[in-house]
Amino acid sequence: MRELTPRIALELIAHEGIVTEAYKDSVGVWTWSVGITDASGHKVFPRYKDKPQPLEHCIGVYLWLLREKYLPPVLAAFGPHDPTEAELGAALSFHWNTGAIARASWIGRFVKGDVDGARKAMLDWARPASLLPRRRKEQALFFDGRWSEDGTALVYGVAKPSYRPSGGKRVQVRALVEGLFADQPVPAPAVAEKKTWFDRLFE
């Protein structure tokens, strides 16, 4: 499999949660939605400071970035290996979190057939220790096909003046994610009269 699926998108959301307006992460970087920062190429600050966005927009931008910015290097790391949905989902989760798929030894070991070595090497990226639960979930998904998503997301507000996430509420998002996948943008030169979520990303 070499395409993004709703299940893969939901898996990452389950790890990250969603914050509907800009907040400061643990090291003070302005962040928004499913862990998106300015480094992604989509400007977060000041665009979303004090401006909560609908979940549709939060998830729409996340899906666009996941497909356009993160999927290509992950597929390149797999080389000739055609990943399963679980393998692709785990590798995308890893890369979304670390940005390091191109230099991670575990994926190279896996492609060369060293499955046991790859399983162990994935946990080399569990520093700080707070990342260990996520790495173990990615490991279980990649090597054992065990998904952790349940179609919900923790959606947070922002406490001020600290601008830290607060008050997470569990929200069902499966139908929204699946709907956004069904509402794909029409490729040029075709023109759609009805705007899709992709058309609205940068309005």
N, C-alpha and C. Protein backbone atom coordinates (compact mmCIF):
# COMPACT_ATOMS: atom_id res chain seq x y z
N MET A 1 0.84 -1.21 0.00
CA MET A 1 0.00 0.00 0.00
C MET A 1 0.87 1.25 0.00
N ARG A 2 0.51 2.19 -0.88
CA ARG A 2 1.31 3.40 -1.00
C ARG A 2 0.46 4.66 -0.96
N GLU A 3 -0.74 4.53 -0.40
CA GLU A 3 -1.65 5.66 -0.29
C GLU A 3 -2.11 5.83 1.16
N LEU A 4 -2.43 7.07 1.50
CA LEU A 4 -2.98 7.36 2.82
C LEU A 4 -4.40 6.82 2.91
N THR A 5 -4.77 6.31 4.08
CA THR A 5 -6.12 5.81 4.31
C THR A 5 -6.71 6.48 5.56
N PRO A 6 -8.04 6.46 5.70
CA PRO A 6 -8.64 7.02 6.91
C PRO A 6 -8.11 6.37 8.18
N ARG A 7 -7.89 5.06 8.15
CA ARG A 7 -7.42 4.38 9.35
C ARG A 7 -6.04 4.86 9.76
N ILE A 8 -5.17 5.07 8.78
CA ILE A 8 -3.83 5.60 9.08
C ILE A 8 -3.94 7.00 9.68
N ALA A 9 -4.76 7.83 9.08
CA ALA A 9 -4.93 9.20 9.59
C ALA A 9 -5.46 9.19 11.01
N LEU A 10 -6.40 8.30 11.30
CA LEU A 10 -6.98 8.22 12.64
C LEU A 10 -5.97 7.70 13.65
N GLU A 11 -5.07 6.82 13.23
CA GLU A 11 -4.04 6.31 14.14
C GLU A 11 -3.15 7.44 14.64
N LEU A 12 -2.71 8.30 13.73
CA LEU A 12 -1.87 9.42 14.14
C LEU A 12 -2.62 10.39 15.04
N ILE A 13 -3.88 10.65 14.70
CA ILE A 13 -4.68 11.53 15.53
C ILE A 13 -4.80 10.98 16.94
N ALA A 14 -4.94 9.66 17.06
CA ALA A 14 -5.05 9.03 18.38
C ALA A 14 -3.80 9.27 19.21
N HIS A 15 -2.64 9.33 18.56
CA HIS A 15 -1.39 9.59 19.29
C HIS A 15 -1.23 11.06 19.66
N GLU A 16 -1.71 11.94 18.81
CA GLU A 16 -1.41 13.37 18.95
C GLU A 16 -2.49 14.18 19.66
N GLY A 17 -3.76 13.87 19.41
CA GLY A 17 -4.83 14.75 19.84
C GLY A 17 -4.95 15.94 18.90
N ILE A 18 -5.91 16.81 19.15
CA ILE A 18 -6.15 17.98 18.31
C ILE A 18 -6.34 19.20 19.21
N VAL A 19 -5.64 20.28 18.89
CA VAL A 19 -5.84 21.55 19.58
C VAL A 19 -6.31 22.54 18.53
N THR A 20 -7.48 23.12 18.72
CA THR A 20 -8.13 23.87 17.64
C THR A 20 -7.61 25.29 17.44
N GLU A 21 -6.80 25.79 18.35
CA GLU A 21 -6.16 27.08 18.16
C GLU A 21 -4.69 26.97 18.53
N ALA A 22 -3.89 27.96 18.16
CA ALA A 22 -2.45 27.89 18.37
C ALA A 22 -2.12 27.84 19.86
N TYR A 23 -1.14 27.01 20.19
CA TYR A 23 -0.67 26.87 21.56
C TYR A 23 0.84 26.73 21.56
N LYS A 24 1.44 26.85 22.74
CA LYS A 24 2.88 26.65 22.88
C LYS A 24 3.14 25.23 23.36
N ASP A 25 4.01 24.52 22.65
CA ASP A 25 4.33 23.16 23.07
C ASP A 25 5.29 23.19 24.26
N SER A 26 5.81 22.02 24.62
CA SER A 26 6.62 21.91 25.85
C SER A 26 7.90 22.73 25.79
N VAL A 27 8.36 23.09 24.58
CA VAL A 27 9.57 23.91 24.48
C VAL A 27 9.25 25.30 23.91
N GLY A 28 7.97 25.67 23.92
CA GLY A 28 7.59 27.02 23.55
C GLY A 28 7.35 27.27 22.07
N VAL A 29 7.29 26.20 21.26
CA VAL A 29 7.06 26.37 19.83
C VAL A 29 5.55 26.47 19.57
N TRP A 30 5.15 27.47 18.80
CA TRP A 30 3.74 27.62 18.46
C TRP A 30 3.29 26.45 17.59
N THR A 31 2.21 25.81 18.03
CA THR A 31 1.74 24.56 17.42
C THR A 31 0.22 24.64 17.30
N TRP A 32 -0.33 23.82 16.41
CA TRP A 32 -1.78 23.85 16.18
C TRP A 32 -2.25 22.52 15.61
N SER A 33 -3.53 22.25 15.77
CA SER A 33 -4.17 21.07 15.18
C SER A 33 -3.50 19.78 15.68
N VAL A 34 -3.12 18.90 14.75
CA VAL A 34 -2.54 17.60 15.11
C VAL A 34 -1.01 17.75 15.16
N GLY A 35 -0.54 18.64 16.05
CA GLY A 35 0.91 18.82 16.22
C GLY A 35 1.60 19.54 15.07
N ILE A 36 0.92 20.47 14.40
CA ILE A 36 1.48 21.17 13.24
C ILE A 36 2.20 22.44 13.70
N THR A 37 3.42 22.67 13.19
CA THR A 37 4.18 23.89 13.46
C THR A 37 4.50 24.59 12.14
N ASP A 38 5.06 25.79 12.24
CA ASP A 38 5.47 26.52 11.04
C ASP A 38 6.46 25.72 10.20
N ALA A 39 7.24 24.86 10.83
CA ALA A 39 8.24 24.06 10.11
C ALA A 39 7.62 23.16 9.05
N SER A 40 6.33 22.90 9.17
CA SER A 40 5.63 22.05 8.20
C SER A 40 5.45 22.74 6.86
N GLY A 41 5.57 24.08 6.85
CA GLY A 41 5.28 24.84 5.65
C GLY A 41 3.92 25.51 5.70
N HIS A 42 3.10 25.14 6.66
CA HIS A 42 1.80 25.78 6.87
C HIS A 42 1.93 26.69 8.09
N LYS A 43 1.79 27.98 7.90
CA LYS A 43 2.02 28.94 8.98
C LYS A 43 0.95 28.82 10.08
N VAL A 44 1.42 28.65 11.29
CA VAL A 44 0.54 28.48 12.45
C VAL A 44 0.39 29.80 13.21
N PHE A 45 1.52 30.51 13.39
CA PHE A 45 1.53 31.75 14.16
C PHE A 45 1.82 32.92 13.22
N PRO A 46 1.02 33.96 13.30
CA PRO A 46 -0.10 34.22 14.22
C PRO A 46 -1.46 33.77 13.71
N ARG A 47 -1.48 33.03 12.60
CA ARG A 47 -2.74 32.69 11.93
C ARG A 47 -3.80 32.12 12.87
N TYR A 48 -3.40 31.23 13.79
CA TYR A 48 -4.38 30.55 14.64
C TYR A 48 -4.32 30.96 16.10
N LYS A 49 -3.54 32.01 16.41
CA LYS A 49 -3.49 32.49 17.78
C LYS A 49 -4.82 33.17 18.13
N ASP A 50 -5.46 32.67 19.20
CA ASP A 50 -6.76 33.19 19.66
C ASP A 50 -7.86 33.02 18.60
N LYS A 51 -7.67 32.08 17.69
CA LYS A 51 -8.65 31.86 16.61
C LYS A 51 -8.95 30.37 16.47
N PRO A 52 -9.79 29.81 17.35
CA PRO A 52 -10.15 28.39 17.25
C PRO A 52 -10.77 28.09 15.89
N GLN A 53 -10.41 26.94 15.33
CA GLN A 53 -10.89 26.54 14.02
C GLN A 53 -11.82 25.34 14.11
N PRO A 54 -12.74 25.19 13.17
CA PRO A 54 -13.58 23.99 13.15
C PRO A 54 -12.72 22.73 12.98
N LEU A 55 -13.19 21.63 13.51
CA LEU A 55 -12.44 20.38 13.37
C LEU A 55 -12.20 20.03 11.91
N GLU A 56 -13.14 20.34 11.04
CA GLU A 56 -12.97 20.04 9.62
C GLU A 56 -11.71 20.71 9.07
N HIS A 57 -11.48 21.96 9.45
CA HIS A 57 -10.30 22.67 8.96
C HIS A 57 -9.03 22.11 9.61
N CYS A 58 -9.07 21.87 10.90
CA CYS A 58 -7.91 21.30 11.60
C CYS A 58 -7.47 19.99 10.96
N ILE A 59 -8.42 19.11 10.72
CA ILE A 59 -8.09 17.80 10.17
C ILE A 59 -7.77 17.91 8.69
N GLY A 60 -8.42 18.82 7.97
CA GLY A 60 -8.14 18.98 6.55
C GLY A 60 -6.71 19.39 6.28
N VAL A 61 -6.20 20.36 7.02
CA VAL A 61 -4.81 20.79 6.86
C VAL A 61 -3.87 19.65 7.24
N TYR A 62 -4.18 18.96 8.32
CA TYR A 62 -3.37 17.81 8.75
C TYR A 62 -3.29 16.75 7.65
N LEU A 63 -4.41 16.41 7.02
CA LEU A 63 -4.41 15.40 5.96
C LEU A 63 -3.59 15.86 4.76
N TRP A 64 -3.72 17.14 4.42
CA TRP A 64 -2.94 17.68 3.31
C TRP A 64 -1.44 17.56 3.58
N LEU A 65 -1.01 17.96 4.77
CA LEU A 65 0.41 17.86 5.11
C LEU A 65 0.87 16.42 5.15
N LEU A 66 0.06 15.55 5.71
CA LEU A 66 0.43 14.15 5.82
C LEU A 66 0.65 13.55 4.43
N ARG A 67 -0.23 13.87 3.51
CA ARG A 67 -0.14 13.32 2.16
C ARG A 67 0.99 13.96 1.35
N GLU A 68 1.10 15.29 1.42
CA GLU A 68 2.02 16.00 0.53
C GLU A 68 3.45 16.09 1.06
N LYS A 69 3.59 16.21 2.38
CA LYS A 69 4.92 16.45 2.95
C LYS A 69 5.54 15.22 3.62
N TYR A 70 4.72 14.37 4.18
CA TYR A 70 5.25 13.26 4.98
C TYR A 70 5.20 11.91 4.28
N LEU A 71 4.19 11.68 3.48
CA LEU A 71 4.09 10.40 2.79
C LEU A 71 5.25 10.14 1.82
N PRO A 72 5.66 11.10 0.99
CA PRO A 72 6.74 10.81 0.03
C PRO A 72 8.04 10.32 0.67
N PRO A 73 8.58 10.98 1.71
CA PRO A 73 9.83 10.45 2.28
C PRO A 73 9.66 9.10 2.96
N VAL A 74 8.48 8.83 3.49
CA VAL A 74 8.24 7.51 4.10
C VAL A 74 8.25 6.43 3.02
N LEU A 75 7.58 6.70 1.92
CA LEU A 75 7.58 5.72 0.82
C LEU A 75 8.99 5.52 0.28
N ALA A 76 9.77 6.61 0.21
CA ALA A 76 11.15 6.49 -0.26
C ALA A 76 11.97 5.62 0.66
N ALA A 77 11.72 5.71 1.96
CA ALA A 77 12.46 4.91 2.93
C ALA A 77 12.17 3.42 2.78
N PHE A 78 10.96 3.09 2.35
CA PHE A 78 10.62 1.68 2.12
C PHE A 78 11.30 1.12 0.87
N GLY A 79 11.74 2.00 -0.02
CA GLY A 79 12.39 1.52 -1.24
C GLY A 79 11.46 0.62 -2.04
N PRO A 80 11.95 -0.56 -2.46
CA PRO A 80 11.14 -1.46 -3.28
C PRO A 80 10.07 -2.22 -2.49
N HIS A 81 10.16 -2.18 -1.17
CA HIS A 81 9.18 -2.91 -0.35
C HIS A 81 7.82 -2.22 -0.42
N ASP A 82 6.78 -2.99 -0.69
CA ASP A 82 5.42 -2.45 -0.73
C ASP A 82 4.81 -2.64 0.66
N PRO A 83 4.69 -1.57 1.45
CA PRO A 83 4.23 -1.74 2.84
C PRO A 83 2.77 -2.12 2.93
N THR A 84 2.44 -2.83 3.99
CA THR A 84 1.04 -3.05 4.33
C THR A 84 0.47 -1.75 4.89
N GLU A 85 -0.84 -1.70 5.06
CA GLU A 85 -1.45 -0.52 5.65
C GLU A 85 -0.90 -0.28 7.05
N ALA A 86 -0.72 -1.35 7.83
CA ALA A 86 -0.19 -1.21 9.19
C ALA A 86 1.24 -0.70 9.18
N GLU A 87 2.07 -1.23 8.29
CA GLU A 87 3.47 -0.78 8.21
C GLU A 87 3.54 0.69 7.80
N LEU A 88 2.74 1.06 6.82
CA LEU A 88 2.74 2.46 6.37
C LEU A 88 2.23 3.38 7.48
N GLY A 89 1.19 2.96 8.18
CA GLY A 89 0.65 3.79 9.26
C GLY A 89 1.65 4.00 10.38
N ALA A 90 2.35 2.94 10.77
CA ALA A 90 3.34 3.06 11.85
C ALA A 90 4.51 3.92 11.43
N ALA A 91 4.98 3.75 10.19
CA ALA A 91 6.11 4.53 9.71
C ALA A 91 5.74 6.01 9.58
N LEU A 92 4.53 6.30 9.13
CA LEU A 92 4.08 7.69 9.04
C LEU A 92 3.96 8.32 10.43
N SER A 93 3.45 7.56 11.39
CA SER A 93 3.35 8.07 12.75
C SER A 93 4.74 8.40 13.29
N PHE A 94 5.68 7.50 13.05
CA PHE A 94 7.07 7.72 13.48
C PHE A 94 7.63 8.99 12.85
N HIS A 95 7.44 9.14 11.53
CA HIS A 95 8.03 10.28 10.83
C HIS A 95 7.34 11.58 11.21
N TRP A 96 6.03 11.55 11.39
CA TRP A 96 5.29 12.75 11.81
C TRP A 96 5.83 13.25 13.15
N ASN A 97 6.17 12.32 14.03
CA ASN A 97 6.64 12.66 15.37
C ASN A 97 8.11 13.05 15.41
N THR A 98 8.94 12.40 14.59
CA THR A 98 10.39 12.60 14.67
C THR A 98 10.99 13.35 13.48
N GLY A 99 10.35 13.26 12.33
CA GLY A 99 10.93 13.81 11.11
C GLY A 99 12.19 13.10 10.67
N ALA A 100 12.39 11.87 11.15
CA ALA A 100 13.68 11.20 11.00
C ALA A 100 13.64 9.90 10.22
N ILE A 101 12.61 9.67 9.41
CA ILE A 101 12.53 8.38 8.73
C ILE A 101 13.73 8.13 7.82
N ALA A 102 14.30 9.18 7.24
CA ALA A 102 15.41 9.00 6.29
C ALA A 102 16.70 8.55 6.97
N ARG A 103 16.83 8.82 8.27
CA ARG A 103 18.06 8.44 8.96
C ARG A 103 17.86 7.40 10.05
N ALA A 104 16.65 6.89 10.18
CA ALA A 104 16.37 5.89 11.21
C ALA A 104 16.86 4.52 10.76
N SER A 105 17.69 3.90 11.56
CA SER A 105 18.27 2.61 11.16
C SER A 105 17.24 1.49 11.13
N TRP A 106 16.17 1.61 11.91
CA TRP A 106 15.23 0.50 11.99
C TRP A 106 14.55 0.23 10.65
N ILE A 107 14.23 1.28 9.88
CA ILE A 107 13.56 1.05 8.60
C ILE A 107 14.53 0.41 7.60
N GLY A 108 15.79 0.80 7.65
CA GLY A 108 16.79 0.18 6.79
C GLY A 108 16.97 -1.29 7.11
N ARG A 109 17.00 -1.61 8.38
CA ARG A 109 17.11 -3.01 8.79
C ARG A 109 15.92 -3.82 8.29
N PHE A 110 14.74 -3.24 8.41
CA PHE A 110 13.54 -3.95 7.99
C PHE A 110 13.57 -4.24 6.50
N VAL A 111 13.91 -3.23 5.71
CA VAL A 111 13.93 -3.40 4.25
C VAL A 111 14.94 -4.46 3.84
N LYS A 112 16.01 -4.59 4.60
CA LYS A 112 17.04 -5.59 4.30
C LYS A 112 16.68 -6.98 4.83
N GLY A 113 15.55 -7.08 5.54
CA GLY A 113 15.11 -8.38 6.02
C GLY A 113 15.42 -8.69 7.46
N ASP A 114 16.05 -7.75 8.16
CA ASP A 114 16.39 -7.97 9.57
C ASP A 114 15.21 -7.49 10.43
N VAL A 115 14.17 -8.29 10.49
CA VAL A 115 12.95 -7.87 11.18
C VAL A 115 13.18 -7.74 12.68
N ASP A 116 13.87 -8.71 13.29
CA ASP A 116 14.12 -8.64 14.73
C ASP A 116 14.96 -7.43 15.09
N GLY A 117 15.98 -7.17 14.28
CA GLY A 117 16.83 -6.00 14.53
C GLY A 117 16.06 -4.70 14.37
N ALA A 118 15.16 -4.66 13.38
CA ALA A 118 14.35 -3.47 13.17
C ALA A 118 13.41 -3.22 14.33
N ARG A 119 12.79 -4.29 14.82
CA ARG A 119 11.88 -4.17 15.96
C ARG A 119 12.60 -3.56 17.17
N LYS A 120 13.78 -4.03 17.45
CA LYS A 120 14.54 -3.51 18.59
C LYS A 120 15.01 -2.08 18.33
N ALA A 121 15.48 -1.80 17.12
CA ALA A 121 16.05 -0.49 16.81
C ALA A 121 15.00 0.62 16.84
N MET A 122 13.74 0.28 16.61
CA MET A 122 12.72 1.32 16.66
C MET A 122 12.67 1.98 18.04
N LEU A 123 12.93 1.20 19.07
CA LEU A 123 12.87 1.74 20.43
C LEU A 123 14.09 2.60 20.77
N ASP A 124 15.08 2.66 19.87
CA ASP A 124 16.19 3.59 20.07
C ASP A 124 15.70 5.04 20.00
N TRP A 125 14.49 5.22 19.44
CA TRP A 125 13.92 6.55 19.28
C TRP A 125 12.92 6.86 20.39
N ALA A 126 13.11 6.22 21.54
CA ALA A 126 12.21 6.43 22.68
C ALA A 126 12.83 7.35 23.72
N ARG A 127 13.50 8.38 23.26
CA ARG A 127 14.06 9.38 24.17
C ARG A 127 13.54 10.76 23.77
N PRO A 128 12.99 11.51 24.74
CA PRO A 128 12.90 11.21 26.17
C PRO A 128 11.97 10.04 26.45
N ALA A 129 12.02 9.58 27.70
CA ALA A 129 11.27 8.38 28.08
C ALA A 129 9.77 8.52 27.87
N SER A 130 9.28 9.75 27.83
CA SER A 130 7.84 9.96 27.61
C SER A 130 7.39 9.48 26.23
N LEU A 131 8.34 9.27 25.31
CA LEU A 131 7.99 8.78 23.98
C LEU A 131 7.87 7.26 23.91
N LEU A 132 8.29 6.58 24.97
CA LEU A 132 8.29 5.11 24.92
C LEU A 132 6.91 4.52 24.65
N PRO A 133 5.84 4.99 25.31
CA PRO A 133 4.52 4.40 24.99
C PRO A 133 4.15 4.55 23.52
N ARG A 134 4.45 5.69 22.93
CA ARG A 134 4.14 5.87 21.50
C ARG A 134 4.97 4.94 20.64
N ARG A 135 6.28 4.83 20.93
CA ARG A 135 7.12 3.94 20.13
C ARG A 135 6.63 2.50 20.24
N ARG A 136 6.20 2.09 21.42
CA ARG A 136 5.70 0.72 21.59
C ARG A 136 4.43 0.50 20.77
N LYS A 137 3.57 1.51 20.70
CA LYS A 137 2.35 1.38 19.88
C LYS A 137 2.70 1.31 18.40
N GLU A 138 3.66 2.13 17.98
CA GLU A 138 4.10 2.08 16.58
C GLU A 138 4.76 0.74 16.28
N GLN A 139 5.53 0.25 17.22
CA GLN A 139 6.18 -1.05 17.07
C GLN A 139 5.13 -2.17 16.93
N ALA A 140 4.11 -2.13 17.79
CA ALA A 140 3.06 -3.15 17.76
C ALA A 140 2.27 -3.08 16.45
N LEU A 141 2.06 -1.87 15.93
CA LEU A 141 1.34 -1.73 14.67
C LEU A 141 2.19 -2.23 13.51
N PHE A 142 3.43 -1.80 13.46
CA PHE A 142 4.30 -2.13 12.33
C PHE A 142 4.57 -3.63 12.25
N PHE A 143 4.93 -4.22 13.37
CA PHE A 143 5.39 -5.61 13.33
C PHE A 143 4.30 -6.64 13.64
N ASP A 144 3.25 -6.21 14.33
CA ASP A 144 2.21 -7.16 14.74
C ASP A 144 0.82 -6.80 14.21
N GLY A 145 0.69 -5.66 13.54
CA GLY A 145 -0.59 -5.28 12.98
C GLY A 145 -1.64 -4.88 14.00
N ARG A 146 -1.20 -4.41 15.18
CA ARG A 146 -2.15 -4.03 16.23
C ARG A 146 -2.38 -2.52 16.21
N TRP A 147 -3.58 -2.13 15.78
CA TRP A 147 -3.95 -0.72 15.73
C TRP A 147 -4.40 -0.25 17.11
N SER A 148 -4.19 1.03 17.38
CA SER A 148 -4.63 1.58 18.67
C SER A 148 -5.74 2.61 18.53
N GLU A 149 -6.05 3.04 17.32
CA GLU A 149 -7.10 4.06 17.13
C GLU A 149 -8.48 3.46 17.35
N ASP A 150 -9.38 4.28 17.86
CA ASP A 150 -10.76 3.83 18.08
C ASP A 150 -11.76 4.79 17.45
N GLY A 151 -11.26 5.65 16.55
CA GLY A 151 -12.15 6.60 15.87
C GLY A 151 -12.41 7.88 16.63
N THR A 152 -11.75 8.04 17.78
CA THR A 152 -11.95 9.25 18.57
C THR A 152 -10.65 10.04 18.67
N ALA A 153 -10.78 11.28 19.13
CA ALA A 153 -9.62 12.14 19.37
C ALA A 153 -9.85 12.92 20.64
N LEU A 154 -8.77 13.19 21.35
CA LEU A 154 -8.84 14.14 22.44
C LEU A 154 -8.69 15.54 21.85
N VAL A 155 -9.71 16.35 22.02
CA VAL A 155 -9.71 17.71 21.48
C VAL A 155 -9.54 18.68 22.64
N TYR A 156 -8.52 19.53 22.54
CA TYR A 156 -8.14 20.40 23.64
C TYR A 156 -8.45 21.86 23.35
N GLY A 157 -8.72 22.60 24.42
CA GLY A 157 -8.75 24.04 24.37
C GLY A 157 -7.38 24.57 24.73
N VAL A 158 -7.27 25.89 24.89
CA VAL A 158 -6.00 26.52 25.22
C VAL A 158 -6.18 27.42 26.44
N ALA A 159 -5.36 27.17 27.46
CA ALA A 159 -5.38 28.00 28.66
C ALA A 159 -4.55 29.26 28.41
N LYS A 160 -5.04 30.38 28.87
CA LYS A 160 -4.35 31.65 28.67
C LYS A 160 -4.19 32.36 30.01
N PRO A 161 -3.07 33.05 30.20
CA PRO A 161 -2.11 33.53 29.20
C PRO A 161 -0.96 32.57 28.89
N SER A 162 -0.95 31.36 29.45
CA SER A 162 0.17 30.44 29.21
C SER A 162 0.17 29.86 27.80
N TYR A 163 -1.00 29.82 27.18
CA TYR A 163 -1.16 29.21 25.86
C TYR A 163 -0.72 27.75 25.85
N ARG A 164 -1.12 27.04 26.87
CA ARG A 164 -0.88 25.59 26.94
C ARG A 164 -2.20 24.86 26.73
N PRO A 165 -2.18 23.67 26.14
CA PRO A 165 -3.42 22.91 25.95
C PRO A 165 -4.05 22.58 27.29
N SER A 166 -5.38 22.55 27.32
CA SER A 166 -6.07 22.24 28.57
C SER A 166 -7.43 21.62 28.27
N GLY A 167 -7.92 20.86 29.26
CA GLY A 167 -9.29 20.36 29.23
C GLY A 167 -9.64 19.47 28.06
N GLY A 168 -8.83 18.44 27.80
CA GLY A 168 -9.10 17.55 26.69
C GLY A 168 -10.46 16.87 26.79
N LYS A 169 -11.19 16.85 25.69
CA LYS A 169 -12.49 16.20 25.61
C LYS A 169 -12.47 15.18 24.48
N ARG A 170 -12.93 13.95 24.76
CA ARG A 170 -12.90 12.91 23.73
C ARG A 170 -14.07 13.11 22.77
N VAL A 171 -13.72 13.16 21.47
CA VAL A 171 -14.70 13.44 20.43
C VAL A 171 -14.60 12.37 19.34
N GLN A 172 -15.75 11.92 18.84
CA GLN A 172 -15.78 10.96 17.75
C GLN A 172 -15.45 11.69 16.44
N VAL A 173 -14.39 11.26 15.75
CA VAL A 173 -13.97 11.95 14.52
C VAL A 173 -13.90 11.02 13.31
N ARG A 174 -14.25 9.75 13.47
CA ARG A 174 -14.12 8.81 12.35
C ARG A 174 -14.94 9.26 11.14
N ALA A 175 -16.20 9.61 11.36
CA ALA A 175 -17.06 9.99 10.24
C ALA A 175 -16.51 11.23 9.54
N LEU A 176 -15.98 12.18 10.31
CA LEU A 176 -15.42 13.40 9.72
C LEU A 176 -14.22 13.07 8.85
N VAL A 177 -13.31 12.26 9.37
CA VAL A 177 -12.11 11.89 8.61
C VAL A 177 -12.50 11.13 7.35
N GLU A 178 -13.38 10.16 7.47
CA GLU A 178 -13.80 9.40 6.29
C GLU A 178 -14.50 10.29 5.28
N GLY A 179 -15.26 11.27 5.76
CA GLY A 179 -15.93 12.20 4.87
C GLY A 179 -14.95 13.08 4.11
N LEU A 180 -13.87 13.50 4.78
CA LEU A 180 -12.86 14.31 4.12
C LEU A 180 -12.12 13.51 3.05
N PHE A 181 -11.91 12.24 3.29
CA PHE A 181 -11.29 11.39 2.27
C PHE A 181 -12.21 11.26 1.05
N ALA A 182 -13.51 11.19 1.30
CA ALA A 182 -14.46 11.06 0.19
C ALA A 182 -14.61 12.36 -0.58
N ASP A 183 -14.27 13.49 0.07
CA ASP A 183 -14.45 14.82 -0.51
C ASP A 183 -13.12 15.33 -1.04
N GLN A 184 -12.49 14.55 -1.92
CA GLN A 184 -11.16 14.90 -2.43
C GLN A 184 -11.25 16.05 -3.43
N PRO A 185 -10.19 16.85 -3.52
CA PRO A 185 -10.16 17.93 -4.52
C PRO A 185 -10.15 17.36 -5.93
N VAL A 186 -10.76 18.08 -6.86
CA VAL A 186 -10.79 17.65 -8.26
C VAL A 186 -9.51 18.11 -8.93
N PRO A 187 -8.75 17.20 -9.57
CA PRO A 187 -7.48 17.60 -10.20
C PRO A 187 -7.72 18.57 -11.35
N ALA A 188 -6.76 19.50 -11.54
CA ALA A 188 -6.83 20.39 -12.71
C ALA A 188 -6.67 19.51 -13.97
N PRO A 189 -7.31 19.88 -15.10
CA PRO A 189 -8.02 21.14 -15.33
C PRO A 189 -9.50 21.08 -15.01
N ALA A 190 -9.96 19.97 -14.45
CA ALA A 190 -11.38 19.89 -14.10
C ALA A 190 -11.72 20.94 -13.06
N VAL A 191 -12.94 21.44 -13.10
CA VAL A 191 -13.37 22.48 -12.15
C VAL A 191 -14.62 21.99 -11.44
N ALA A 192 -14.62 22.11 -10.13
CA ALA A 192 -15.79 21.73 -9.35
C ALA A 192 -16.49 22.99 -8.86
N GLU A 193 -17.79 23.06 -8.99
CA GLU A 193 -18.53 24.22 -8.51
C GLU A 193 -18.58 24.24 -6.99
N LYS A 194 -18.64 23.05 -6.38
CA LYS A 194 -18.69 22.96 -4.92
C LYS A 194 -17.27 22.91 -4.38
N LYS A 195 -16.96 23.80 -3.45
CA LYS A 195 -15.64 23.80 -2.86
C LYS A 195 -15.46 22.58 -1.96
N THR A 196 -14.28 21.99 -2.01
CA THR A 196 -13.94 20.88 -1.13
C THR A 196 -13.16 21.42 0.05
N TRP A 197 -12.86 20.56 1.02
CA TRP A 197 -12.04 20.98 2.16
C TRP A 197 -10.67 21.46 1.69
N PHE A 198 -10.13 20.86 0.61
CA PHE A 198 -8.82 21.25 0.12
C PHE A 198 -8.86 22.68 -0.40
N ASP A 199 -9.94 23.04 -1.10
CA ASP A 199 -10.07 24.40 -1.62
C ASP A 199 -10.10 25.43 -0.50
N ARG A 200 -10.62 25.01 0.66
CA ARG A 200 -10.82 25.97 1.76
C ARG A 200 -9.62 26.07 2.69
N LEU A 201 -8.58 25.27 2.46
CA LEU A 201 -7.46 25.25 3.40
C LEU A 201 -6.82 26.61 3.62
N PHE A 202 -6.72 27.39 2.56
CA PHE A 202 -5.94 28.63 2.66
C PHE A 202 -6.79 29.87 2.42
N GLU A 203 -8.10 29.72 2.59
CA GLU A 203 -8.98 30.89 2.48
C GLU A 203 -8.75 31.83 3.67
